[in-house]
Amino acid sequence: MKEKLNEAIILLGRAYRESDEKGKALVEQAIRKLREDGVGESKVILSKASEVSDDKEPFYELGVPWFDYWFGGGTRLQEMVMVAALPGVGKTHFMRWMSANFLLTGAKVLDIIGEDLQGDIKEMYRPVLNSHDELFENLLLADMQNTRFGIEEIDDLLSRKDDQGNLVFQPDVAVLDHIDILQGRGGQDWIAAGAQARGLKLLAKKHNIIFIVGSQAIEYFSRQGSRRLELYRSHIGKRLSADIVFFIDRISGTEYQLIRDKARGRKINPFDTTQPIIFNMDKMEVTPR
């Protein structure tokens, strides 16, 4: 977006110095540049209820029956899935296990990398893809290299076009690891974190993709001694924007449990929230126990 804006500013500067006719043409050209990135366009789509299909959006399965069942049938385009864990538990690996399985179903995946190295992330995909190296053509790695990387930069990445005006890469699934390293836009930290989550959800709708977003978690103990996990920085703000929220909790060794905290728009047992698993990060294998 910033590139188009700069081009428009240059054109407007030239228009100021030109004659009326040539200046008018340059102004119109500047307006077209801005509209290429949606500046000045409506951000709300209006639809008559009678024209909206009664059929629910289809669920896209991960191809892992027990996991799809626990998810209430899979995930839908325009949904945001938030995967949370304490630091070092295995959130990064689990998210790549999910996105690698999406690749096996034929989906295209954009992987937005924060703190990890590209080569390390690629190696996480390899055991799941199981020698199907041709599927790496459907995986685009985007490596953050700027501390100001935020929602606008992700939107620009998803909107990037080639010289012919075609999208450079149109993913079905985008992975962000993780939300807590995005640049905030001022205000208190918990407010910024909630705004980032809301921005990512709106990007999922705008670009018609599934967003798998990582979040740090924190733990606390009640006065009665019971242990709970919450989303770091803004539990309520992040949770409100996500369609699915689940925590990865290590019990011992390779024994883990998945704790589903939220599942919007699904016919699902509200009491069946915990799924014990064996998670072997070296082999990138996840099995129920």
C-alpha atoms as a PDB file:
ATOM      1  CA  MET A   1       0.000   0.000   0.000  1.00  0.00           C
ATOM      2  CA  LYS A   2       2.806   2.416   0.873  1.00  0.00           C
ATOM      3  CA  GLU A   3       4.368   1.974  -2.595  1.00  0.00           C
ATOM      4  CA  LYS A   4       1.131   2.904  -4.382  1.00  0.00           C
ATOM      5  CA  LEU A   5       0.610   5.839  -2.035  1.00  0.00           C
ATOM      6  CA  ASN A   6       4.089   7.169  -2.798  1.00  0.00           C
ATOM      7  CA  GLU A   7       3.468   6.818  -6.546  1.00  0.00           C
ATOM      8  CA  ALA A   8       0.205   8.753  -6.173  1.00  0.00           C
ATOM      9  CA  ILE A   9       1.912  11.545  -4.219  1.00  0.00           C
ATOM     10  CA  ILE A  10       4.549  11.899  -6.958  1.00  0.00           C
ATOM     11  CA  LEU A  11       1.851  12.088  -9.629  1.00  0.00           C
ATOM     12  CA  LEU A  12      -0.066  14.730  -7.684  1.00  0.00           C
ATOM     13  CA  GLY A  13       3.136  16.765  -7.328  1.00  0.00           C
ATOM     14  CA  ARG A  14       3.646  16.645 -11.082  1.00  0.00           C
ATOM     15  CA  ALA A  15      -0.006  17.577 -11.668  1.00  0.00           C
ATOM     16  CA  TYR A  16       0.435  20.747  -9.595  1.00  0.00           C
ATOM     17  CA  ARG A  17       3.145  21.943 -11.999  1.00  0.00           C
ATOM     18  CA  GLU A  18       1.380  21.036 -15.253  1.00  0.00           C
ATOM     19  CA  SER A  19      -1.276  22.740 -17.378  1.00  0.00           C
ATOM     20  CA  ASP A  20      -4.961  22.123 -16.684  1.00  0.00           C
ATOM     21  CA  GLU A  21      -5.493  19.246 -19.144  1.00  0.00           C
ATOM     22  CA  LYS A  22      -2.255  17.432 -18.428  1.00  0.00           C
ATOM     23  CA  GLY A  23      -2.656  18.083 -14.693  1.00  0.00           C
ATOM     24  CA  LYS A  24      -6.170  16.620 -14.733  1.00  0.00           C
ATOM     25  CA  ALA A  25      -4.892  13.480 -16.456  1.00  0.00           C
ATOM     26  CA  LEU A  26      -2.176  13.076 -13.829  1.00  0.00           C
ATOM     27  CA  VAL A  27      -4.716  13.500 -11.001  1.00  0.00           C
ATOM     28  CA  GLU A  28      -6.905  10.788 -12.545  1.00  0.00           C
ATOM     29  CA  GLN A  29      -3.847   8.536 -12.819  1.00  0.00           C
ATOM     30  CA  ALA A  30      -3.052   9.143  -9.133  1.00  0.00           C
ATOM     31  CA  ILE A  31      -6.613   8.231  -8.148  1.00  0.00           C
ATOM     32  CA  ARG A  32      -6.324   4.971 -10.099  1.00  0.00           C
ATOM     33  CA  LYS A  33      -3.109   4.148  -8.218  1.00  0.00           C
ATOM     34  CA  LEU A  34      -4.868   4.646  -4.906  1.00  0.00           C
ATOM     35  CA  ARG A  35      -7.868   2.546  -5.946  1.00  0.00           C
ATOM     36  CA  GLU A  36      -5.568  -0.328  -6.919  1.00  0.00           C
ATOM     37  CA  ASP A  37      -4.988  -0.739  -3.189  1.00  0.00           C
ATOM     38  CA  GLY A  38      -8.564  -0.091  -2.166  1.00  0.00           C
ATOM     39  CA  VAL A  39      -8.086   3.483  -0.925  1.00  0.00           C
ATOM     40  CA  GLY A  40     -11.413   5.264  -1.067  1.00  0.00           C
ATOM     41  CA  GLU A  41     -13.377   2.045  -1.593  1.00  0.00           C
ATOM     42  CA  SER A  42     -16.062   0.818   0.777  1.00  0.00           C
ATOM     43  CA  LYS A  43     -14.820  -1.565   3.479  1.00  0.00           C
ATOM     44  CA  VAL A  44     -18.331  -2.934   4.057  1.00  0.00           C
ATOM     45  CA  ILE A  45     -20.182  -5.327   1.743  1.00  0.00           C
ATOM     46  CA  LEU A  46     -23.969  -4.943   1.826  1.00  0.00           C
ATOM     47  CA  SER A  47     -26.177  -7.939   0.946  1.00  0.00           C
ATOM     48  CA  LYS A  48     -29.923  -8.471   1.093  1.00  0.00           C
ATOM     49  CA  ALA A  49     -30.702 -11.348   3.432  1.00  0.00           C
ATOM     50  CA  SER A  50     -32.834 -12.915   0.689  1.00  0.00           C
ATOM     51  CA  GLU A  51     -29.739 -13.126  -1.512  1.00  0.00           C
ATOM     52  CA  VAL A  52     -27.537 -14.779   1.105  1.00  0.00           C
ATOM     53  CA  SER A  53     -27.373 -18.567   0.841  1.00  0.00           C
ATOM     54  CA  ASP A  54     -28.901 -20.557   3.692  1.00  0.00           C
ATOM     55  CA  ASP A  55     -26.136 -23.109   3.293  1.00  0.00           C
ATOM     56  CA  LYS A  56     -23.281 -22.735   5.746  1.00  0.00           C
ATOM     57  CA  GLU A  57     -19.781 -22.260   4.417  1.00  0.00           C
ATOM     58  CA  PRO A  58     -18.176 -25.663   3.775  1.00  0.00           C
ATOM     59  CA  PHE A  59     -15.691 -27.039   6.268  1.00  0.00           C
ATOM     60  CA  TYR A  60     -12.221 -27.852   4.955  1.00  0.00           C
ATOM     61  CA  GLU A  61     -10.836 -30.931   6.619  1.00  0.00           C
ATOM     62  CA  LEU A  62      -7.226 -31.286   7.652  1.00  0.00           C
ATOM     63  CA  GLY A  63      -7.322 -34.915   6.543  1.00  0.00           C
ATOM     64  CA  VAL A  64      -6.743 -36.177  10.102  1.00  0.00           C
ATOM     65  CA  PRO A  65     -10.121 -37.680  11.159  1.00  0.00           C
ATOM     66  CA  TRP A  66      -9.773 -37.434  14.941  1.00  0.00           C
ATOM     67  CA  PHE A  67      -8.561 -33.832  14.735  1.00  0.00           C
ATOM     68  CA  ASP A  68     -11.251 -32.760  12.264  1.00  0.00           C
ATOM     69  CA  TYR A  69     -13.896 -34.315  14.538  1.00  0.00           C
ATOM     70  CA  TRP A  70     -12.509 -32.510  17.591  1.00  0.00           C
ATOM     71  CA  PHE A  71     -12.582 -29.274  15.557  1.00  0.00           C
ATOM     72  CA  GLY A  72     -16.260 -29.763  14.764  1.00  0.00           C
ATOM     73  CA  GLY A  73     -15.739 -30.766  11.137  1.00  0.00           C
ATOM     74  CA  GLY A  74     -12.665 -28.782  10.174  1.00  0.00           C
ATOM     75  CA  THR A  75     -12.185 -25.102   9.383  1.00  0.00           C
ATOM     76  CA  ARG A  76     -13.884 -22.689   7.009  1.00  0.00           C
ATOM     77  CA  LEU A  77     -12.565 -19.997   4.737  1.00  0.00           C
ATOM     78  CA  GLN A  78     -12.542 -16.580   6.471  1.00  0.00           C
ATOM     79  CA  GLU A  79     -12.020 -18.185   9.879  1.00  0.00           C
ATOM     80  CA  MET A  80      -9.168 -17.470  12.263  1.00  0.00           C
ATOM     81  CA  VAL A  81      -7.761 -20.318  14.349  1.00  0.00           C
ATOM     82  CA  MET A  82      -5.668 -19.243  17.334  1.00  0.00           C
ATOM     83  CA  VAL A  83      -3.115 -21.757  18.620  1.00  0.00           C
ATOM     84  CA  ALA A  84      -1.683 -20.880  22.025  1.00  0.00           C
ATOM     85  CA  ALA A  85       0.971 -22.399  24.281  1.00  0.00           C
ATOM     86  CA  LEU A  86       3.504 -21.477  26.916  1.00  0.00           C
ATOM     87  CA  PRO A  87       6.912 -20.562  25.430  1.00  0.00           C
ATOM     88  CA  GLY A  88       8.919 -23.614  24.354  1.00  0.00           C
ATOM     89  CA  VAL A  89       6.031 -26.099  24.538  1.00  0.00           C
ATOM     90  CA  GLY A  90       5.727 -26.711  20.780  1.00  0.00           C
ATOM     91  CA  LYS A  91       3.319 -24.179  19.304  1.00  0.00           C
ATOM     92  CA  THR A  92       5.529 -23.526  16.264  1.00  0.00           C
ATOM     93  CA  HIS A  93       5.830 -27.239  15.449  1.00  0.00           C
ATOM     94  CA  PHE A  94       2.119 -27.920  15.946  1.00  0.00           C
ATOM     95  CA  MET A  95       1.087 -25.067  13.652  1.00  0.00           C
ATOM     96  CA  ARG A  96       3.366 -26.449  10.911  1.00  0.00           C
ATOM     97  CA  TRP A  97       1.938 -29.924  11.444  1.00  0.00           C
ATOM     98  CA  MET A  98      -1.485 -28.399  10.731  1.00  0.00           C
ATOM     99  CA  SER A  99      -0.390 -26.390   7.678  1.00  0.00           C
ATOM    100  CA  ALA A 100       1.616 -29.328   6.247  1.00  0.00           C
ATOM    101  CA  ASN A 101      -1.502 -31.485   6.412  1.00  0.00           C
ATOM    102  CA  PHE A 102      -3.405 -28.737   4.607  1.00  0.00           C
ATOM    103  CA  LEU A 103      -0.738 -28.917   1.865  1.00  0.00           C
ATOM    104  CA  LEU A 104      -1.417 -32.653   1.554  1.00  0.00           C
ATOM    105  CA  THR A 105      -5.089 -31.861   0.849  1.00  0.00           C
ATOM    106  CA  GLY A 106      -4.054 -29.645  -2.093  1.00  0.00           C
ATOM    107  CA  ALA A 107      -4.221 -26.269  -0.341  1.00  0.00           C
ATOM    108  CA  LYS A 108      -1.764 -23.426  -0.929  1.00  0.00           C
ATOM    109  CA  VAL A 109      -0.108 -22.119   2.232  1.00  0.00           C
ATOM    110  CA  LEU A 110       1.532 -18.789   3.067  1.00  0.00           C
ATOM    111  CA  ASP A 111       3.801 -19.119   6.117  1.00  0.00           C
ATOM    112  CA  ILE A 112       4.692 -15.789   7.776  1.00  0.00           C
ATOM    113  CA  ILE A 113       7.795 -16.348   9.908  1.00  0.00           C
ATOM    114  CA  GLY A 114       8.752 -14.198  12.847  1.00  0.00           C
ATOM    115  CA  GLU A 115      11.541 -15.384  15.112  1.00  0.00           C
ATOM    116  CA  ASP A 116      12.553 -18.641  13.401  1.00  0.00           C
ATOM    117  CA  LEU A 117      14.866 -19.289  10.456  1.00  0.00           C
ATOM    118  CA  GLN A 118      13.356 -20.176   7.074  1.00  0.00           C
ATOM    119  CA  GLY A 119      15.393 -23.362   6.752  1.00  0.00           C
ATOM    120  CA  ASP A 120      14.251 -24.593  10.166  1.00  0.00           C
ATOM    121  CA  ILE A 121      10.613 -23.968   9.271  1.00  0.00           C
ATOM    122  CA  LYS A 122      10.937 -25.807   5.954  1.00  0.00           C
ATOM    123  CA  GLU A 123      12.408 -28.828   7.758  1.00  0.00           C
ATOM    124  CA  MET A 124       9.327 -28.984   9.990  1.00  0.00           C
ATOM    125  CA  TYR A 125       7.172 -29.566   6.900  1.00  0.00           C
ATOM    126  CA  ARG A 126       9.323 -32.319   5.423  1.00  0.00           C
ATOM    127  CA  PRO A 127       8.363 -35.291   7.695  1.00  0.00           C
ATOM    128  CA  VAL A 128       4.639 -34.625   7.226  1.00  0.00           C
ATOM    129  CA  LEU A 129       4.917 -34.209   3.451  1.00  0.00           C
ATOM    130  CA  ASN A 130       6.690 -37.576   3.384  1.00  0.00           C
ATOM    131  CA  SER A 131       8.849 -37.156   0.238  1.00  0.00           C
ATOM    132  CA  HIS A 132       6.166 -35.165  -1.617  1.00  0.00           C
ATOM    133  CA  ASP A 133       8.691 -32.403  -2.284  1.00  0.00           C
ATOM    134  CA  GLU A 134       6.598 -31.135  -5.193  1.00  0.00           C
ATOM    135  CA  LEU A 135       4.189 -29.706  -2.608  1.00  0.00           C
ATOM    136  CA  PHE A 136       6.817 -27.150  -1.603  1.00  0.00           C
ATOM    137  CA  GLU A 137       5.700 -25.315  -4.779  1.00  0.00           C
ATOM    138  CA  ASN A 138       2.444 -24.597  -2.938  1.00  0.00           C
ATOM    139  CA  LEU A 139       4.229 -23.230   0.136  1.00  0.00           C
ATOM    140  CA  LEU A 140       5.415 -19.622   0.226  1.00  0.00           C
ATOM    141  CA  LEU A 141       7.630 -18.549   3.133  1.00  0.00           C
ATOM    142  CA  ALA A 142       7.498 -14.874   4.134  1.00  0.00           C
ATOM    143  CA  ASP A 143      10.300 -13.873   6.491  1.00  0.00           C
ATOM    144  CA  MET A 144       9.714 -10.807   8.709  1.00  0.00           C
ATOM    145  CA  GLN A 145      12.789  -8.568   8.665  1.00  0.00           C
ATOM    146  CA  ASN A 146      11.375  -5.299   9.985  1.00  0.00           C
ATOM    147  CA  THR A 147      10.338  -4.423  13.526  1.00  0.00           C
ATOM    148  CA  ARG A 148       7.484  -2.344  12.108  1.00  0.00           C
ATOM    149  CA  PHE A 149       5.869  -5.412  10.513  1.00  0.00           C
ATOM    150  CA  GLY A 150       2.145  -5.323  11.271  1.00  0.00           C
ATOM    151  CA  ILE A 151      -1.388  -5.781   9.909  1.00  0.00           C
ATOM    152  CA  GLU A 152      -0.913  -3.377   6.980  1.00  0.00           C
ATOM    153  CA  GLU A 153       2.234  -5.211   5.871  1.00  0.00           C
ATOM    154  CA  ILE A 154       0.424  -8.569   5.975  1.00  0.00           C
ATOM    155  CA  ASP A 155      -2.427  -7.089   3.924  1.00  0.00           C
ATOM    156  CA  ASP A 156       0.134  -5.784   1.427  1.00  0.00           C
ATOM    157  CA  LEU A 157       1.749  -9.225   1.270  1.00  0.00           C
ATOM    158  CA  LEU A 158      -1.585 -10.925   0.537  1.00  0.00           C
ATOM    159  CA  SER A 159      -2.453  -8.246  -2.050  1.00  0.00           C
ATOM    160  CA  ARG A 160       0.880  -8.183  -3.897  1.00  0.00           C
ATOM    161  CA  LYS A 161       0.525  -8.371  -7.690  1.00  0.00           C
ATOM    162  CA  ASP A 162       2.898  -9.013 -10.576  1.00  0.00           C
ATOM    163  CA  ASP A 163       3.438  -6.778 -13.624  1.00  0.00           C
ATOM    164  CA  GLN A 164       0.348  -8.271 -15.294  1.00  0.00           C
ATOM    165  CA  GLY A 165      -1.880  -7.399 -12.335  1.00  0.00           C
ATOM    166  CA  ASN A 166      -2.224 -10.994 -11.093  1.00  0.00           C
ATOM    167  CA  LEU A 167      -1.755 -11.917  -7.451  1.00  0.00           C
ATOM    168  CA  VAL A 168       1.784 -13.155  -6.854  1.00  0.00           C
ATOM    169  CA  PHE A 169       0.489 -15.886  -4.556  1.00  0.00           C
ATOM    170  CA  GLN A 170      -3.104 -16.644  -3.582  1.00  0.00           C
ATOM    171  CA  PRO A 171      -3.114 -18.907  -0.511  1.00  0.00           C
ATOM    172  CA  ASP A 172      -5.965 -20.912   0.945  1.00  0.00           C
ATOM    173  CA  VAL A 173      -4.281 -20.943   4.346  1.00  0.00           C
ATOM    174  CA  ALA A 174      -2.002 -18.371   5.992  1.00  0.00           C
ATOM    175  CA  VAL A 175       0.104 -19.139   9.066  1.00  0.00           C
ATOM    176  CA  LEU A 176       1.373 -16.373  11.354  1.00  0.00           C
ATOM    177  CA  ASP A 177       3.915 -17.273  14.015  1.00  0.00           C
ATOM    178  CA  HIS A 178       3.109 -15.365  16.081  1.00  0.00           C
ATOM    179  CA  ILE A 179       0.732 -12.450  16.797  1.00  0.00           C
ATOM    180  CA  ASP A 180       2.709 -11.157  19.779  1.00  0.00           C
ATOM    181  CA  ILE A 181       5.643  -9.987  17.662  1.00  0.00           C
ATOM    182  CA  LEU A 182       3.524  -7.787  15.407  1.00  0.00           C
ATOM    183  CA  GLN A 183       4.070  -4.058  15.647  1.00  0.00           C
ATOM    184  CA  GLY A 184       1.309  -2.368  17.619  1.00  0.00           C
ATOM    185  CA  ARG A 185      -0.301   0.927  16.662  1.00  0.00           C
ATOM    186  CA  GLY A 186      -0.055   2.805  19.957  1.00  0.00           C
ATOM    187  CA  GLY A 187      -2.250   2.732  23.026  1.00  0.00           C
ATOM    188  CA  GLN A 188      -2.048   0.306  25.905  1.00  0.00           C
ATOM    189  CA  ASP A 189      -0.505  -3.079  25.108  1.00  0.00           C
ATOM    190  CA  TRP A 190      -3.624  -5.154  25.790  1.00  0.00           C
ATOM    191  CA  ILE A 191      -5.690  -2.862  23.567  1.00  0.00           C
ATOM    192  CA  ALA A 192      -3.102  -3.132  20.759  1.00  0.00           C
ATOM    193  CA  ALA A 193      -3.115  -6.944  21.054  1.00  0.00           C
ATOM    194  CA  GLY A 194      -6.901  -7.065  20.742  1.00  0.00           C
ATOM    195  CA  ALA A 195      -6.777  -4.734  17.731  1.00  0.00           C
ATOM    196  CA  GLN A 196      -4.175  -6.952  16.038  1.00  0.00           C
ATOM    197  CA  ALA A 197      -6.386 -10.004  16.492  1.00  0.00           C
ATOM    198  CA  ARG A 198      -9.366  -8.138  15.063  1.00  0.00           C
ATOM    199  CA  GLY A 199      -7.239  -6.961  12.123  1.00  0.00           C
ATOM    200  CA  LEU A 200      -6.127 -10.516  11.316  1.00  0.00           C
ATOM    201  CA  LYS A 201      -9.710 -11.777  11.441  1.00  0.00           C
ATOM    202  CA  LEU A 202     -10.790  -9.051   9.004  1.00  0.00           C
ATOM    203  CA  LEU A 203      -7.895  -9.961   6.692  1.00  0.00           C
ATOM    204  CA  ALA A 204      -9.130 -13.573   6.700  1.00  0.00           C
ATOM    205  CA  LYS A 205     -12.521 -12.306   5.522  1.00  0.00           C
ATOM    206  CA  LYS A 206     -11.097  -9.817   3.023  1.00  0.00           C
ATOM    207  CA  HIS A 207      -8.794 -12.344   1.347  1.00  0.00           C
ATOM    208  CA  ASN A 208     -11.095 -15.362   1.817  1.00  0.00           C
ATOM    209  CA  ILE A 209      -8.495 -17.512   3.574  1.00  0.00           C
ATOM    210  CA  ILE A 210      -8.074 -19.596   6.715  1.00  0.00           C
ATOM    211  CA  PHE A 211      -5.729 -17.859   9.158  1.00  0.00           C
ATOM    212  CA  ILE A 212      -3.793 -20.011  11.644  1.00  0.00           C
ATOM    213  CA  VAL A 213      -2.357 -17.604  14.208  1.00  0.00           C
ATOM    214  CA  GLY A 214       0.004 -18.419  17.053  1.00  0.00           C
ATOM    215  CA  SER A 215      -0.195 -16.722  20.433  1.00  0.00           C
ATOM    216  CA  GLN A 216       1.883 -16.917  23.555  1.00  0.00           C
ATOM    217  CA  ALA A 217       0.047 -18.198  26.629  1.00  0.00           C
ATOM    218  CA  ILE A 218       0.426 -17.558  30.341  1.00  0.00           C
ATOM    219  CA  GLU A 219      -0.549 -19.718  33.289  1.00  0.00           C
ATOM    220  CA  TYR A 220      -1.938 -18.760  36.648  1.00  0.00           C
ATOM    221  CA  PHE A 221      -3.294 -20.527  39.721  1.00  0.00           C
ATOM    222  CA  SER A 222      -6.514 -19.707  41.540  1.00  0.00           C
ATOM    223  CA  ARG A 223      -6.723 -19.358  45.277  1.00  0.00           C
ATOM    224  CA  GLN A 224      -8.033 -22.908  45.334  1.00  0.00           C
ATOM    225  CA  GLY A 225      -4.885 -24.062  43.516  1.00  0.00           C
ATOM    226  CA  SER A 226      -6.459 -24.892  40.158  1.00  0.00           C
ATOM    227  CA  ARG A 227      -4.298 -24.112  37.109  1.00  0.00           C
ATOM    228  CA  ARG A 228      -5.516 -22.197  34.048  1.00  0.00           C
ATOM    229  CA  LEU A 229      -4.034 -21.084  30.734  1.00  0.00           C
ATOM    230  CA  GLU A 230      -4.873 -17.736  29.152  1.00  0.00           C
ATOM    231  CA  LEU A 231      -3.867 -15.858  26.017  1.00  0.00           C
ATOM    232  CA  TYR A 232      -0.927 -13.552  26.638  1.00  0.00           C
ATOM    233  CA  ARG A 233      -1.493  -9.752  26.688  1.00  0.00           C
ATOM    234  CA  SER A 234      -5.210  -9.710  25.881  1.00  0.00           C
ATOM    235  CA  HIS A 235      -7.165 -12.903  26.571  1.00  0.00           C
ATOM    236  CA  ILE A 236     -10.588 -11.345  25.988  1.00  0.00           C
ATOM    237  CA  GLY A 237      -9.568  -9.216  22.981  1.00  0.00           C
ATOM    238  CA  LYS A 238      -7.868 -12.061  21.154  1.00  0.00           C
ATOM    239  CA  ARG A 239     -10.564 -14.591  22.046  1.00  0.00           C
ATOM    240  CA  LEU A 240     -13.376 -12.348  20.774  1.00  0.00           C
ATOM    241  CA  SER A 241     -11.896 -12.148  17.263  1.00  0.00           C
ATOM    242  CA  ALA A 242     -10.895 -15.801  16.846  1.00  0.00           C
ATOM    243  CA  ASP A 243     -13.319 -18.477  15.615  1.00  0.00           C
ATOM    244  CA  ILE A 244     -11.391 -21.305  17.263  1.00  0.00           C
ATOM    245  CA  VAL A 245      -9.029 -21.031  20.221  1.00  0.00           C
ATOM    246  CA  PHE A 246      -7.117 -23.971  21.613  1.00  0.00           C
ATOM    247  CA  PHE A 247      -4.157 -24.434  23.912  1.00  0.00           C
ATOM    248  CA  ILE A 248      -1.321 -26.958  23.634  1.00  0.00           C
ATOM    249  CA  ASP A 249      -0.308 -28.109  27.095  1.00  0.00           C
ATOM    250  CA  ARG A 250       2.605 -30.429  27.814  1.00  0.00           C
ATOM    251  CA  ILE A 251       1.962 -33.044  30.477  1.00  0.00           C
ATOM    252  CA  SER A 252       5.224 -35.011  30.404  1.00  0.00           C
ATOM    253  CA  GLY A 253       7.729 -35.940  27.675  1.00  0.00           C
ATOM    254  CA  THR A 254       5.728 -36.473  24.478  1.00  0.00           C
ATOM    255  CA  GLU A 255       2.403 -36.526  26.351  1.00  0.00           C
ATOM    256  CA  TYR A 256       0.344 -33.422  25.715  1.00  0.00           C
ATOM    257  CA  GLN A 257      -3.234 -32.331  25.789  1.00  0.00           C
ATOM    258  CA  LEU A 258      -5.183 -29.994  23.511  1.00  0.00           C
ATOM    259  CA  ILE A 259      -7.646 -27.747  25.314  1.00  0.00           C
ATOM    260  CA  ARG A 260     -10.353 -26.183  23.158  1.00  0.00           C
ATOM    261  CA  ASP A 261     -11.355 -22.825  24.615  1.00  0.00           C
ATOM    262  CA  LYS A 262     -13.694 -21.638  21.854  1.00  0.00           C
ATOM    263  CA  ALA A 263     -15.327 -23.030  18.703  1.00  0.00           C
ATOM    264  CA  ARG A 264     -17.693 -20.641  16.924  1.00  0.00           C
ATOM    265  CA  GLY A 265     -20.388 -21.828  14.490  1.00  0.00           C
ATOM    266  CA  ARG A 266     -20.108 -25.538  15.196  1.00  0.00           C
ATOM    267  CA  LYS A 267     -22.388 -28.222  16.545  1.00  0.00           C
ATOM    268  CA  ILE A 268     -19.951 -29.546  19.073  1.00  0.00           C
ATOM    269  CA  ASN A 269     -20.066 -31.049  22.548  1.00  0.00           C
ATOM    270  CA  PRO A 270     -19.337 -28.098  24.875  1.00  0.00           C
ATOM    271  CA  PHE A 271     -18.071 -30.477  27.544  1.00  0.00           C
ATOM    272  CA  ASP A 272     -15.702 -32.419  25.288  1.00  0.00           C
ATOM    273  CA  THR A 273     -12.983 -29.767  25.303  1.00  0.00           C
ATOM    274  CA  THR A 274      -9.828 -31.765  26.057  1.00  0.00           C
ATOM    275  CA  GLN A 275      -8.005 -34.145  23.721  1.00  0.00           C
ATOM    276  CA  PRO A 276      -4.984 -36.070  25.083  1.00  0.00           C
ATOM    277  CA  ILE A 277      -2.296 -36.604  22.411  1.00  0.00           C
ATOM    278  CA  ILE A 278       1.195 -37.970  21.815  1.00  0.00           C
ATOM    279  CA  PHE A 279       3.220 -35.247  20.097  1.00  0.00           C
ATOM    280  CA  ASN A 280       6.594 -36.275  18.707  1.00  0.00           C
ATOM    281  CA  MET A 281       8.162 -33.058  17.463  1.00  0.00           C
ATOM    282  CA  ASP A 282      11.223 -34.794  15.943  1.00  0.00           C
ATOM    283  CA  LYS A 283       9.020 -36.923  13.671  1.00  0.00           C
ATOM    284  CA  MET A 284       6.246 -34.305  13.457  1.00  0.00           C
ATOM    285  CA  GLU A 285       3.694 -36.922  14.459  1.00  0.00           C
ATOM    286  CA  VAL A 286       0.512 -36.194  16.428  1.00  0.00           C
ATOM    287  CA  THR A 287      -1.702 -39.079  17.550  1.00  0.00           C
ATOM    288  CA  PRO A 288      -4.596 -39.289  20.015  1.00  0.00           C
ATOM    289  CA  ARG A 289      -4.135 -41.245  23.235  1.00  0.00           C
END
